[in-house]
Amino acid sequence: MHVETFRIGNYLRDSEACHVARKDLVRKWPEQAHDHDYFEVMLVESGQADHWINGRRETLIPGCLIFIRPTDAHALRADQKSGCKIINVMFRTTTAAHFLSRYPEDFSGRFFDAKGEHPEVHLLQGPRMERGVNVAQDLANSKPTQARVDEFLLTLANRVVAPITTLDSKVPRWFAEAYERAKEPEVFRLGAQGFIAAAGRSHEHVCRTCQEVLGLTPSSLINRVRTEFAADRLAQTNIPISEIAAECGLENVSHFYRVFRRHYGTTPRSYRLHHQRSPF
């Protein structure tokens, strides 16, 4: 496929640091692919898309968050039945250089600085998906200054993307879909068996693939999902801790405390007190 280079100057004034677009993809391939002289962050909000990138095709599902580098040549088309809506944020290479020099431990080799053949892809679900959409919309509704794009990228790194959401584009589609479903309460309440049932594969096959893709057992994955859900509930509501434990599928409160402390290094009660502390 022939590749055209898109230029940041066609989208931004000199005083602008970013450009945000929320749009429906067309249902046919463009005449040619493109690369850029800028970086992009693309979030699939709804529907599905076929994505041709660096010579390979992949399927993008809701929640896919992709950090596209200038040298990545790609093209997109919406699924014929479901269509596809995306949110796309483009920003200058100088912004990326600033982040790499200022926050090397957080960004070097990650996100837009990924070193592999293909860009880094994350799969968002639940509160993280909502947060990703909201922070992109906040950016779209604000003046495109350097401070606002800095805030956007830091929020993505610190509050939207979790380490276990990273998915290589080679991940089998069945696993990506099961991984997405694992964030749903009706699935994670059932524990590892809920994840394995969502995958629709044998117990051994799911365990082996989970280790290969995430370096985790299904039980460890589900416990991380549970504690992330619990952390959001603890920080944002006053629901009793015993009820939150039950929502997670862990009705034994002592066991819930052990699982939560293993992942967050503190008790649920201490976590709630810290995150709901009034500044006044």
C-alpha atoms as a PDB file:
ATOM      1  CA  MET A   1       0.000   0.000   0.000  1.00  0.00           C
ATOM      2  CA  HIS A   2       1.363   3.420  -0.955  1.00  0.00           C
ATOM      3  CA  VAL A   3       2.123   5.668   2.039  1.00  0.00           C
ATOM      4  CA  GLU A   4       1.539   9.417   2.267  1.00  0.00           C
ATOM      5  CA  THR A   5       3.032  11.566   5.044  1.00  0.00           C
ATOM      6  CA  PHE A   6       0.611  13.771   6.998  1.00  0.00           C
ATOM      7  CA  ARG A   7       2.036  17.056   8.346  1.00  0.00           C
ATOM      8  CA  ILE A   8       1.226  18.611  11.717  1.00  0.00           C
ATOM      9  CA  GLY A   9       1.219  22.073  10.136  1.00  0.00           C
ATOM     10  CA  ASN A  10      -1.933  21.158   8.224  1.00  0.00           C
ATOM     11  CA  TYR A  11      -3.829  20.771  11.501  1.00  0.00           C
ATOM     12  CA  LEU A  12      -2.236  23.104  14.048  1.00  0.00           C
ATOM     13  CA  ARG A  13      -1.329  26.769  14.260  1.00  0.00           C
ATOM     14  CA  ASP A  14       2.093  27.560  15.675  1.00  0.00           C
ATOM     15  CA  SER A  15       0.497  28.475  19.012  1.00  0.00           C
ATOM     16  CA  GLU A  16      -1.413  25.173  19.310  1.00  0.00           C
ATOM     17  CA  ALA A  17      -0.011  22.051  20.958  1.00  0.00           C
ATOM     18  CA  CYS A  18      -2.578  19.431  19.944  1.00  0.00           C
ATOM     19  CA  HIS A  19      -5.609  18.597  17.837  1.00  0.00           C
ATOM     20  CA  VAL A  20      -8.571  16.440  18.944  1.00  0.00           C
ATOM     21  CA  ALA A  21     -11.070  14.777  16.596  1.00  0.00           C
ATOM     22  CA  ARG A  22     -14.061  12.613  17.479  1.00  0.00           C
ATOM     23  CA  LYS A  23     -15.406  10.977  14.353  1.00  0.00           C
ATOM     24  CA  ASP A  24     -17.058   8.021  12.665  1.00  0.00           C
ATOM     25  CA  LEU A  25     -14.734   6.066  10.389  1.00  0.00           C
ATOM     26  CA  VAL A  26     -15.824   5.347   6.834  1.00  0.00           C
ATOM     27  CA  ARG A  27     -16.567   1.751   5.882  1.00  0.00           C
ATOM     28  CA  LYS A  28     -13.989   1.448   3.114  1.00  0.00           C
ATOM     29  CA  TRP A  29     -10.212   1.556   2.916  1.00  0.00           C
ATOM     30  CA  PRO A  30      -8.624   4.908   1.975  1.00  0.00           C
ATOM     31  CA  GLU A  31      -6.773   5.053  -1.320  1.00  0.00           C
ATOM     32  CA  GLN A  32      -3.463   5.018   0.538  1.00  0.00           C
ATOM     33  CA  ALA A  33      -2.032   4.590   4.010  1.00  0.00           C
ATOM     34  CA  HIS A  34      -0.259   7.383   5.855  1.00  0.00           C
ATOM     35  CA  ASP A  35       2.484   8.076   8.357  1.00  0.00           C
ATOM     36  CA  HIS A  36       3.108  11.414  10.119  1.00  0.00           C
ATOM     37  CA  ASP A  37       5.547  13.985  11.398  1.00  0.00           C
ATOM     38  CA  TYR A  38       3.671  13.918  14.748  1.00  0.00           C
ATOM     39  CA  PHE A  39       2.328  11.465  17.360  1.00  0.00           C
ATOM     40  CA  GLU A  40      -1.245  10.218  17.740  1.00  0.00           C
ATOM     41  CA  VAL A  41      -3.278   8.684  20.542  1.00  0.00           C
ATOM     42  CA  MET A  42      -6.375   6.896  19.222  1.00  0.00           C
ATOM     43  CA  LEU A  43      -9.202   5.438  21.323  1.00  0.00           C
ATOM     44  CA  VAL A  44     -11.934   3.229  19.848  1.00  0.00           C
ATOM     45  CA  GLU A  45     -15.115   4.471  21.498  1.00  0.00           C
ATOM     46  CA  SER A  46     -17.650   2.144  19.883  1.00  0.00           C
ATOM     47  CA  GLY A  47     -17.992  -0.384  17.072  1.00  0.00           C
ATOM     48  CA  GLN A  48     -15.020  -2.133  15.474  1.00  0.00           C
ATOM     49  CA  ALA A  49     -12.405  -1.280  12.854  1.00  0.00           C
ATOM     50  CA  ASP A  50      -9.961  -3.015  10.562  1.00  0.00           C
ATOM     51  CA  HIS A  51      -6.522  -1.532  11.078  1.00  0.00           C
ATOM     52  CA  TRP A  52      -3.692  -1.991   8.573  1.00  0.00           C
ATOM     53  CA  ILE A  53      -0.468  -0.983  10.304  1.00  0.00           C
ATOM     54  CA  ASN A  54       3.147  -1.529   9.301  1.00  0.00           C
ATOM     55  CA  GLY A  55       2.150  -4.222   6.822  1.00  0.00           C
ATOM     56  CA  ARG A  56      -0.204  -6.178   9.077  1.00  0.00           C
ATOM     57  CA  ARG A  57      -3.966  -6.147   9.606  1.00  0.00           C
ATOM     58  CA  GLU A  58      -5.617  -6.276  13.017  1.00  0.00           C
ATOM     59  CA  THR A  59      -9.093  -5.830  14.484  1.00  0.00           C
ATOM     60  CA  LEU A  60      -9.731  -2.968  16.894  1.00  0.00           C
ATOM     61  CA  ILE A  61     -12.541  -3.335  19.428  1.00  0.00           C
ATOM     62  CA  PRO A  62     -14.101  -0.823  21.866  1.00  0.00           C
ATOM     63  CA  GLY A  63     -11.580   0.278  24.479  1.00  0.00           C
ATOM     64  CA  CYS A  64      -8.500  -0.172  22.282  1.00  0.00           C
ATOM     65  CA  LEU A  65      -6.123   2.699  23.044  1.00  0.00           C
ATOM     66  CA  ILE A  66      -3.216   2.987  20.593  1.00  0.00           C
ATOM     67  CA  PHE A  67      -0.113   5.166  20.866  1.00  0.00           C
ATOM     68  CA  ILE A  68       0.862   5.741  17.217  1.00  0.00           C
ATOM     69  CA  ARG A  69       4.389   6.916  16.401  1.00  0.00           C
ATOM     70  CA  PRO A  70       5.412   9.107  13.433  1.00  0.00           C
ATOM     71  CA  THR A  71       6.982   6.174  11.566  1.00  0.00           C
ATOM     72  CA  ASP A  72       3.924   3.920  11.913  1.00  0.00           C
ATOM     73  CA  ALA A  73       2.259   3.626   8.489  1.00  0.00           C
ATOM     74  CA  HIS A  74      -1.411   2.767   8.869  1.00  0.00           C
ATOM     75  CA  ALA A  75      -4.931   2.919   7.443  1.00  0.00           C
ATOM     76  CA  LEU A  76      -8.368   2.330   8.944  1.00  0.00           C
ATOM     77  CA  ARG A  77     -11.847   1.299   7.898  1.00  0.00           C
ATOM     78  CA  ALA A  78     -14.956   0.798  10.010  1.00  0.00           C
ATOM     79  CA  ASP A  79     -16.580  -2.599  10.374  1.00  0.00           C
ATOM     80  CA  GLN A  80     -19.300  -3.002   7.754  1.00  0.00           C
ATOM     81  CA  LYS A  81     -22.004  -3.876  10.309  1.00  0.00           C
ATOM     82  CA  SER A  82     -21.130  -2.068  13.529  1.00  0.00           C
ATOM     83  CA  GLY A  83     -19.329   0.986  12.177  1.00  0.00           C
ATOM     84  CA  CYS A  84     -16.672   2.577  14.381  1.00  0.00           C
ATOM     85  CA  LYS A  85     -16.341   5.812  16.342  1.00  0.00           C
ATOM     86  CA  ILE A  86     -12.888   6.938  17.460  1.00  0.00           C
ATOM     87  CA  ILE A  87     -11.336   9.767  19.437  1.00  0.00           C
ATOM     88  CA  ASN A  88      -7.997  10.872  18.016  1.00  0.00           C
ATOM     89  CA  VAL A  89      -5.459  13.213  19.631  1.00  0.00           C
ATOM     90  CA  MET A  90      -2.389  14.371  17.712  1.00  0.00           C
ATOM     91  CA  PHE A  91       0.523  16.201  19.304  1.00  0.00           C
ATOM     92  CA  ARG A  92       3.967  17.454  18.332  1.00  0.00           C
ATOM     93  CA  THR A  93       7.231  15.508  18.493  1.00  0.00           C
ATOM     94  CA  THR A  94       8.586  18.248  20.777  1.00  0.00           C
ATOM     95  CA  THR A  95       5.937  17.298  23.343  1.00  0.00           C
ATOM     96  CA  ALA A  96       7.074  13.664  23.257  1.00  0.00           C
ATOM     97  CA  ALA A  97      10.724  14.730  23.612  1.00  0.00           C
ATOM     98  CA  HIS A  98       9.790  16.880  26.613  1.00  0.00           C
ATOM     99  CA  PHE A  99       8.066  13.963  28.352  1.00  0.00           C
ATOM    100  CA  LEU A 100      10.924  11.557  27.695  1.00  0.00           C
ATOM    101  CA  SER A 101      13.450  13.970  29.168  1.00  0.00           C
ATOM    102  CA  ARG A 102      11.302  14.964  32.148  1.00  0.00           C
ATOM    103  CA  TYR A 103       9.775  11.574  33.032  1.00  0.00           C
ATOM    104  CA  PRO A 104      12.169   8.924  31.714  1.00  0.00           C
ATOM    105  CA  GLU A 105      11.148   6.282  34.268  1.00  0.00           C
ATOM    106  CA  ASP A 106       7.488   6.582  33.286  1.00  0.00           C
ATOM    107  CA  PHE A 107       7.682   7.063  29.510  1.00  0.00           C
ATOM    108  CA  SER A 108      11.007   5.693  28.212  1.00  0.00           C
ATOM    109  CA  GLY A 109      10.267   2.633  26.068  1.00  0.00           C
ATOM    110  CA  ARG A 110       6.533   2.869  26.833  1.00  0.00           C
ATOM    111  CA  PHE A 111       3.421   4.448  25.360  1.00  0.00           C
ATOM    112  CA  PHE A 112       4.495   6.642  22.405  1.00  0.00           C
ATOM    113  CA  ASP A 113       8.147   5.612  22.932  1.00  0.00           C
ATOM    114  CA  ALA A 114       7.508   1.868  22.441  1.00  0.00           C
ATOM    115  CA  LYS A 115      10.434   0.246  20.616  1.00  0.00           C
ATOM    116  CA  GLY A 116       8.724  -2.727  18.978  1.00  0.00           C
ATOM    117  CA  GLU A 117       7.748  -3.156  15.362  1.00  0.00           C
ATOM    118  CA  HIS A 118       4.177  -2.182  16.222  1.00  0.00           C
ATOM    119  CA  PRO A 119       2.808   0.537  18.508  1.00  0.00           C
ATOM    120  CA  GLU A 120       1.694  -0.075  22.070  1.00  0.00           C
ATOM    121  CA  VAL A 121      -1.981  -1.045  22.424  1.00  0.00           C
ATOM    122  CA  HIS A 122      -4.011  -1.042  25.645  1.00  0.00           C
ATOM    123  CA  LEU A 123      -7.508  -2.355  26.225  1.00  0.00           C
ATOM    124  CA  LEU A 124      -9.629  -0.171  28.516  1.00  0.00           C
ATOM    125  CA  GLN A 125     -12.831  -1.208  30.228  1.00  0.00           C
ATOM    126  CA  GLY A 126     -15.240   0.092  32.834  1.00  0.00           C
ATOM    127  CA  PRO A 127     -14.079   3.123  34.839  1.00  0.00           C
ATOM    128  CA  ARG A 128     -10.817   3.383  32.890  1.00  0.00           C
ATOM    129  CA  MET A 129     -12.654   3.489  29.572  1.00  0.00           C
ATOM    130  CA  GLU A 130     -14.986   6.196  30.897  1.00  0.00           C
ATOM    131  CA  ARG A 131     -12.019   8.127  32.235  1.00  0.00           C
ATOM    132  CA  GLY A 132     -10.211   7.875  28.892  1.00  0.00           C
ATOM    133  CA  VAL A 133     -13.216   9.228  26.986  1.00  0.00           C
ATOM    134  CA  ASN A 134     -13.756  12.004  29.527  1.00  0.00           C
ATOM    135  CA  VAL A 135     -10.169  13.208  29.593  1.00  0.00           C
ATOM    136  CA  ALA A 136     -10.085  13.315  25.770  1.00  0.00           C
ATOM    137  CA  GLN A 137     -13.344  15.261  25.728  1.00  0.00           C
ATOM    138  CA  ASP A 138     -11.982  17.683  28.327  1.00  0.00           C
ATOM    139  CA  LEU A 139      -9.001  18.271  26.056  1.00  0.00           C
ATOM    140  CA  ALA A 140     -11.270  18.796  23.031  1.00  0.00           C
ATOM    141  CA  ASN A 141     -13.290  21.404  24.920  1.00  0.00           C
ATOM    142  CA  SER A 142     -10.283  23.367  26.150  1.00  0.00           C
ATOM    143  CA  LYS A 143      -7.754  25.672  24.546  1.00  0.00           C
ATOM    144  CA  PRO A 144      -5.063  23.477  22.890  1.00  0.00           C
ATOM    145  CA  THR A 145      -2.168  24.692  25.017  1.00  0.00           C
ATOM    146  CA  GLN A 146       0.954  22.795  26.003  1.00  0.00           C
ATOM    147  CA  ALA A 147      -0.227  22.633  29.613  1.00  0.00           C
ATOM    148  CA  ARG A 148      -3.492  20.924  28.593  1.00  0.00           C
ATOM    149  CA  VAL A 149      -1.842  18.308  26.373  1.00  0.00           C
ATOM    150  CA  ASP A 150       0.675  17.650  29.170  1.00  0.00           C
ATOM    151  CA  GLU A 151      -2.226  17.124  31.570  1.00  0.00           C
ATOM    152  CA  PHE A 152      -3.894  14.763  29.084  1.00  0.00           C
ATOM    153  CA  LEU A 153      -0.832  12.565  28.637  1.00  0.00           C
ATOM    154  CA  LEU A 154      -0.056  12.418  32.354  1.00  0.00           C
ATOM    155  CA  THR A 155      -3.651  11.449  33.118  1.00  0.00           C
ATOM    156  CA  LEU A 156      -3.512   8.690  30.508  1.00  0.00           C
ATOM    157  CA  ALA A 157      -0.312   7.315  32.004  1.00  0.00           C
ATOM    158  CA  ASN A 158      -1.265   7.644  35.658  1.00  0.00           C
ATOM    159  CA  ARG A 159      -5.065   7.236  35.845  1.00  0.00           C
ATOM    160  CA  VAL A 160      -6.296   5.615  32.641  1.00  0.00           C
ATOM    161  CA  VAL A 161      -3.724   3.007  31.619  1.00  0.00           C
ATOM    162  CA  ALA A 162      -2.891   0.240  34.096  1.00  0.00           C
ATOM    163  CA  PRO A 163       0.090  -2.094  33.581  1.00  0.00           C
ATOM    164  CA  ILE A 164      -2.138  -5.102  32.907  1.00  0.00           C
ATOM    165  CA  THR A 165      -4.018  -3.370  30.069  1.00  0.00           C
ATOM    166  CA  THR A 166      -1.096  -3.618  27.648  1.00  0.00           C
ATOM    167  CA  LEU A 167      -1.927  -5.980  24.799  1.00  0.00           C
ATOM    168  CA  ASP A 168       0.379  -6.822  21.933  1.00  0.00           C
ATOM    169  CA  SER A 169      -1.324  -6.664  18.543  1.00  0.00           C
ATOM    170  CA  LYS A 170      -0.454 -10.380  18.064  1.00  0.00           C
ATOM    171  CA  VAL A 171      -2.768 -11.377  20.928  1.00  0.00           C
ATOM    172  CA  PRO A 172      -5.490 -13.784  19.719  1.00  0.00           C
ATOM    173  CA  ARG A 173      -8.793 -12.039  19.206  1.00  0.00           C
ATOM    174  CA  TRP A 174     -10.627 -14.499  21.471  1.00  0.00           C
ATOM    175  CA  PHE A 175      -8.278 -13.625  24.332  1.00  0.00           C
ATOM    176  CA  ALA A 176      -8.637  -9.863  23.763  1.00  0.00           C
ATOM    177  CA  GLU A 177     -12.414 -10.188  23.857  1.00  0.00           C
ATOM    178  CA  ALA A 178     -12.311 -12.349  26.996  1.00  0.00           C
ATOM    179  CA  TYR A 179      -9.923  -9.856  28.589  1.00  0.00           C
ATOM    180  CA  GLU A 180     -12.412  -7.089  27.853  1.00  0.00           C
ATOM    181  CA  ARG A 181     -15.273  -9.105  29.346  1.00  0.00           C
ATOM    182  CA  ALA A 182     -13.192  -9.835  32.454  1.00  0.00           C
ATOM    183  CA  LYS A 183     -13.716  -6.187  33.478  1.00  0.00           C
ATOM    184  CA  GLU A 184     -17.485  -6.754  33.706  1.00  0.00           C
ATOM    185  CA  PRO A 185     -18.800  -7.426  37.263  1.00  0.00           C
ATOM    186  CA  GLU A 186     -20.892 -10.391  36.147  1.00  0.00           C
ATOM    187  CA  VAL A 187     -17.670 -12.035  34.918  1.00  0.00           C
ATOM    188  CA  PHE A 188     -15.099 -11.149  37.585  1.00  0.00           C
ATOM    189  CA  ARG A 189     -17.521 -11.983  40.407  1.00  0.00           C
ATOM    190  CA  LEU A 190     -17.193 -15.603  39.266  1.00  0.00           C
ATOM    191  CA  GLY A 191     -13.411 -15.540  39.644  1.00  0.00           C
ATOM    192  CA  ALA A 192     -11.039 -17.285  37.276  1.00  0.00           C
ATOM    193  CA  GLN A 193     -13.811 -19.608  36.121  1.00  0.00           C
ATOM    194  CA  GLY A 194     -15.783 -16.619  34.882  1.00  0.00           C
ATOM    195  CA  PHE A 195     -12.829 -15.496  32.764  1.00  0.00           C
ATOM    196  CA  ILE A 196     -12.275 -19.010  31.394  1.00  0.00           C
ATOM    197  CA  ALA A 197     -15.974 -19.336  30.535  1.00  0.00           C
ATOM    198  CA  ALA A 198     -15.869 -15.953  28.750  1.00  0.00           C
ATOM    199  CA  ALA A 199     -12.870 -17.142  26.731  1.00  0.00           C
ATOM    200  CA  GLY A 200     -14.697 -20.253  25.544  1.00  0.00           C
ATOM    201  CA  ARG A 201     -11.475 -22.299  25.500  1.00  0.00           C
ATOM    202  CA  SER A 202     -10.143 -25.110  27.645  1.00  0.00           C
ATOM    203  CA  HIS A 203      -8.839 -24.319  31.120  1.00  0.00           C
ATOM    204  CA  GLU A 204      -5.294 -25.302  30.126  1.00  0.00           C
ATOM    205  CA  HIS A 205      -5.357 -23.250  26.909  1.00  0.00           C
ATOM    206  CA  VAL A 206      -6.619 -20.122  28.686  1.00  0.00           C
ATOM    207  CA  CYS A 207      -4.056 -20.471  31.488  1.00  0.00           C
ATOM    208  CA  ARG A 208      -1.216 -20.942  29.026  1.00  0.00           C
ATOM    209  CA  THR A 209      -2.260 -17.969  26.865  1.00  0.00           C
ATOM    210  CA  CYS A 210      -2.784 -15.739  29.909  1.00  0.00           C
ATOM    211  CA  GLN A 211       0.752 -16.488  31.082  1.00  0.00           C
ATOM    212  CA  GLU A 212       2.180 -15.852  27.612  1.00  0.00           C
ATOM    213  CA  VAL A 213       0.306 -12.574  27.080  1.00  0.00           C
ATOM    214  CA  LEU A 214       0.223 -11.013  30.557  1.00  0.00           C
ATOM    215  CA  GLY A 215       2.585 -13.086  32.679  1.00  0.00           C
ATOM    216  CA  LEU A 216      -0.325 -13.823  35.019  1.00  0.00           C
ATOM    217  CA  THR A 217      -2.552 -16.732  35.953  1.00  0.00           C
ATOM    218  CA  PRO A 218      -6.304 -16.209  35.362  1.00  0.00           C
ATOM    219  CA  SER A 219      -6.765 -15.998  39.149  1.00  0.00           C
ATOM    220  CA  SER A 220      -4.141 -13.252  39.462  1.00  0.00           C
ATOM    221  CA  LEU A 221      -5.677 -11.349  36.560  1.00  0.00           C
ATOM    222  CA  ILE A 222      -9.169 -11.497  38.031  1.00  0.00           C
ATOM    223  CA  ASN A 223      -7.930 -10.452  41.474  1.00  0.00           C
ATOM    224  CA  ARG A 224      -6.274  -7.387  39.936  1.00  0.00           C
ATOM    225  CA  VAL A 225      -9.494  -6.537  38.131  1.00  0.00           C
ATOM    226  CA  ARG A 226     -11.474  -7.010  41.339  1.00  0.00           C
ATOM    227  CA  THR A 227      -9.193  -4.802  43.414  1.00  0.00           C
ATOM    228  CA  GLU A 228      -9.157  -2.074  40.764  1.00  0.00           C
ATOM    229  CA  PHE A 229     -12.965  -2.094  40.763  1.00  0.00           C
ATOM    230  CA  ALA A 230     -12.953  -2.048  44.574  1.00  0.00           C
ATOM    231  CA  ALA A 231     -10.480   0.839  44.679  1.00  0.00           C
ATOM    232  CA  ASP A 232     -12.761   2.972  42.506  1.00  0.00           C
ATOM    233  CA  ARG A 233     -15.746   2.137  44.739  1.00  0.00           C
ATOM    234  CA  LEU A 234     -13.787   2.911  47.895  1.00  0.00           C
ATOM    235  CA  ALA A 235     -12.550   6.249  46.591  1.00  0.00           C
ATOM    236  CA  GLN A 236     -15.821   7.462  45.096  1.00  0.00           C
ATOM    237  CA  THR A 237     -18.595   6.058  47.330  1.00  0.00           C
ATOM    238  CA  ASN A 238     -19.486   5.443  50.968  1.00  0.00           C
ATOM    239  CA  ILE A 239     -20.751   1.904  50.360  1.00  0.00           C
ATOM    240  CA  PRO A 240     -19.760  -0.367  53.276  1.00  0.00           C
ATOM    241  CA  ILE A 241     -16.589  -2.339  52.650  1.00  0.00           C
ATOM    242  CA  SER A 242     -18.392  -5.646  53.176  1.00  0.00           C
ATOM    243  CA  GLU A 243     -20.795  -4.756  50.341  1.00  0.00           C
ATOM    244  CA  ILE A 244     -17.932  -3.805  48.029  1.00  0.00           C
ATOM    245  CA  ALA A 245     -16.275  -7.139  48.792  1.00  0.00           C
ATOM    246  CA  ALA A 246     -19.509  -8.918  47.852  1.00  0.00           C
ATOM    247  CA  GLU A 247     -19.738  -6.892  44.618  1.00  0.00           C
ATOM    248  CA  CYS A 248     -16.282  -8.215  43.774  1.00  0.00           C
ATOM    249  CA  GLY A 249     -17.367 -11.810  44.394  1.00  0.00           C
ATOM    250  CA  LEU A 250     -15.380 -12.040  47.638  1.00  0.00           C
ATOM    251  CA  GLU A 251     -17.941 -12.370  50.405  1.00  0.00           C
ATOM    252  CA  ASN A 252     -15.293 -13.377  52.949  1.00  0.00           C
ATOM    253  CA  VAL A 253     -14.215  -9.901  54.070  1.00  0.00           C
ATOM    254  CA  SER A 254     -10.940 -11.134  55.590  1.00  0.00           C
ATOM    255  CA  HIS A 255     -10.000 -12.690  52.249  1.00  0.00           C
ATOM    256  CA  PHE A 256     -10.993  -9.471  50.463  1.00  0.00           C
ATOM    257  CA  TYR A 257      -8.681  -7.501  52.789  1.00  0.00           C
ATOM    258  CA  ARG A 258      -5.778  -9.858  52.009  1.00  0.00           C
ATOM    259  CA  VAL A 259      -6.324  -9.655  48.247  1.00  0.00           C
ATOM    260  CA  PHE A 260      -6.663  -5.862  48.325  1.00  0.00           C
ATOM    261  CA  ARG A 261      -3.582  -5.371  50.492  1.00  0.00           C
ATOM    262  CA  ARG A 262      -1.537  -7.622  48.210  1.00  0.00           C
ATOM    263  CA  HIS A 263      -2.194  -5.287  45.280  1.00  0.00           C
ATOM    264  CA  TYR A 264      -2.353  -1.851  46.928  1.00  0.00           C
ATOM    265  CA  GLY A 265      -0.079  -2.298  49.932  1.00  0.00           C
ATOM    266  CA  THR A 266      -2.727  -1.002  52.336  1.00  0.00           C
ATOM    267  CA  THR A 267      -6.120  -1.982  53.727  1.00  0.00           C
ATOM    268  CA  PRO A 268      -9.388  -1.017  52.018  1.00  0.00           C
ATOM    269  CA  ARG A 269     -10.267   1.221  54.961  1.00  0.00           C
ATOM    270  CA  SER A 270      -6.933   3.074  54.839  1.00  0.00           C
ATOM    271  CA  TYR A 271      -7.231   3.420  51.063  1.00  0.00           C
ATOM    272  CA  ARG A 272     -10.685   4.992  51.454  1.00  0.00           C
ATOM    273  CA  LEU A 273      -9.551   7.391  54.179  1.00  0.00           C
ATOM    274  CA  HIS A 274      -6.587   8.531  52.091  1.00  0.00           C
ATOM    275  CA  HIS A 275      -8.557   9.074  48.868  1.00  0.00           C
ATOM    276  CA  GLN A 276     -11.588  10.712  50.476  1.00  0.00           C
ATOM    277  CA  ARG A 277      -9.653  12.982  52.843  1.00  0.00           C
ATOM    278  CA  SER A 278     -10.986  16.540  52.668  1.00  0.00           C
ATOM    279  CA  PRO A 279      -8.406  19.260  51.928  1.00  0.00           C
ATOM    280  CA  PHE A 280     -10.284  21.530  54.345  1.00  0.00           C
END
